[in-house]
Amino acid sequence: MLNKKKTSRANDWRRQGQERYLKGVSLIFRDYYPYRQNWDHDHCEFCGAKFSLKEGDLHKGYSTKDGYHWICNKCFNDFKNEFKWELEQPQ
């Protein structure tokens, strides 16, 4: 039987200091929309997955209330307990 060692979230390659600006924030699960009129995409704050209105990119995810920071489903599920995110309903 193989001994599978679980990787610590503290050593996860996706961690890049996001706790400084994402810990304990409120998030909304919603359709992607560009933060600014001249922006055509955003990236997941953890893994870099691309959000855009184009085919093949992510079209839904978790964002901060202002829509500036986006998080994909996988990263949301992987980090939600540690980051203690609150979910809000879209308005």
Protein backbone atom coordinates (compact mmCIF):
# COMPACT_ATOMS: atom_id res chain seq x y z
CA MET A 1 0.00 0.00 0.00
CA LEU A 2 1.32 3.42 -0.96
CA ASN A 3 1.65 6.10 1.67
CA LYS A 4 0.21 9.26 0.15
CA LYS A 5 1.41 12.37 1.91
CA LYS A 6 -1.07 15.22 1.86
CA THR A 7 0.49 18.50 0.79
CA SER A 8 0.19 21.27 3.34
CA ARG A 9 -1.82 24.26 2.09
CA ALA A 10 0.96 26.45 3.52
CA ASN A 11 3.33 25.02 0.89
CA ASP A 12 0.79 25.02 -1.95
CA TRP A 13 2.26 26.54 -5.14
CA ARG A 14 -0.86 28.67 -5.52
CA ARG A 15 -0.15 30.63 -2.34
CA GLN A 16 1.38 34.01 -3.11
CA GLY A 17 0.45 36.16 -0.13
CA GLN A 18 -3.28 36.32 -0.89
CA GLU A 19 -4.04 36.27 2.83
CA ARG A 20 -2.99 39.93 2.94
CA TYR A 21 -6.00 40.99 0.86
CA LEU A 22 -8.42 38.02 0.69
CA LYS A 23 -8.61 36.65 4.24
CA GLY A 24 -12.12 37.00 5.67
CA VAL A 25 -13.57 38.92 2.72
CA SER A 26 -17.10 38.52 1.38
CA LEU A 27 -17.36 36.77 -1.98
CA ILE A 28 -20.16 36.47 -4.51
CA PHE A 29 -20.61 33.55 -6.91
CA ARG A 30 -21.56 35.15 -10.22
CA ASP A 31 -21.08 35.44 -13.94
CA TYR A 32 -17.78 36.96 -14.94
CA TYR A 33 -17.74 40.57 -16.07
CA PRO A 34 -14.68 42.75 -16.76
CA TYR A 35 -13.71 45.06 -13.90
CA ARG A 36 -13.00 47.92 -16.28
CA GLN A 37 -14.40 48.62 -19.71
CA ASN A 38 -11.03 48.14 -21.45
CA TRP A 39 -10.22 44.84 -19.68
CA ASP A 40 -11.04 41.64 -21.54
CA HIS A 41 -10.10 39.07 -18.89
CA ASP A 42 -9.04 38.39 -15.31
CA HIS A 43 -7.25 35.50 -13.62
CA CYS A 44 -7.97 33.36 -10.58
CA GLU A 45 -6.08 34.89 -7.68
CA PHE A 46 -4.63 31.48 -6.82
CA CYS A 47 -4.06 29.27 -9.87
CA GLY A 48 -4.18 31.84 -12.66
CA ALA A 49 -7.11 30.25 -14.53
CA LYS A 50 -8.49 32.74 -17.04
CA PHE A 51 -11.91 34.37 -16.67
CA SER A 52 -13.37 36.08 -19.73
CA LEU A 53 -16.42 36.24 -21.94
CA LYS A 54 -14.62 34.17 -24.60
CA GLU A 55 -15.38 30.54 -25.34
CA GLY A 56 -13.12 28.13 -23.49
CA ASP A 57 -12.42 30.46 -20.56
CA LEU A 58 -14.13 30.46 -17.18
CA HIS A 59 -17.44 32.34 -17.19
CA LYS A 60 -18.48 31.95 -13.54
CA GLY A 61 -16.60 32.16 -10.29
CA TYR A 62 -16.27 33.83 -6.94
CA SER A 63 -15.40 37.50 -6.83
CA THR A 64 -14.98 40.21 -4.26
CA LYS A 65 -17.93 42.59 -4.00
CA ASP A 66 -16.25 45.09 -6.30
CA GLY A 67 -15.47 42.41 -8.91
CA TYR A 68 -11.74 43.14 -8.81
CA HIS A 69 -10.49 39.77 -7.48
CA TRP A 70 -11.71 36.46 -8.96
CA ILE A 71 -11.35 32.90 -7.63
CA CYS A 72 -12.15 29.72 -9.57
CA ASN A 73 -14.35 26.95 -8.11
CA LYS A 74 -11.45 24.59 -7.34
CA CYS A 75 -9.38 27.20 -5.53
CA PHE A 76 -12.45 28.44 -3.66
CA ASN A 77 -13.11 24.92 -2.38
CA ASP A 78 -9.45 24.33 -1.55
CA PHE A 79 -8.98 27.53 0.45
CA LYS A 80 -12.46 28.50 1.75
CA ASN A 81 -11.97 27.17 5.28
CA GLU A 82 -8.53 28.66 5.77
CA PHE A 83 -9.49 32.06 4.34
CA LYS A 84 -12.88 32.10 6.14
CA TRP A 85 -14.75 33.60 3.22
CA GLU A 86 -18.35 34.76 3.65
CA LEU A 87 -20.69 34.15 0.72
CA GLU A 88 -23.15 36.84 -0.30
CA GLN A 89 -25.97 36.76 -2.82
CA PRO A 90 -25.53 38.74 -6.05
CA GLN A 91 -27.58 41.93 -6.17
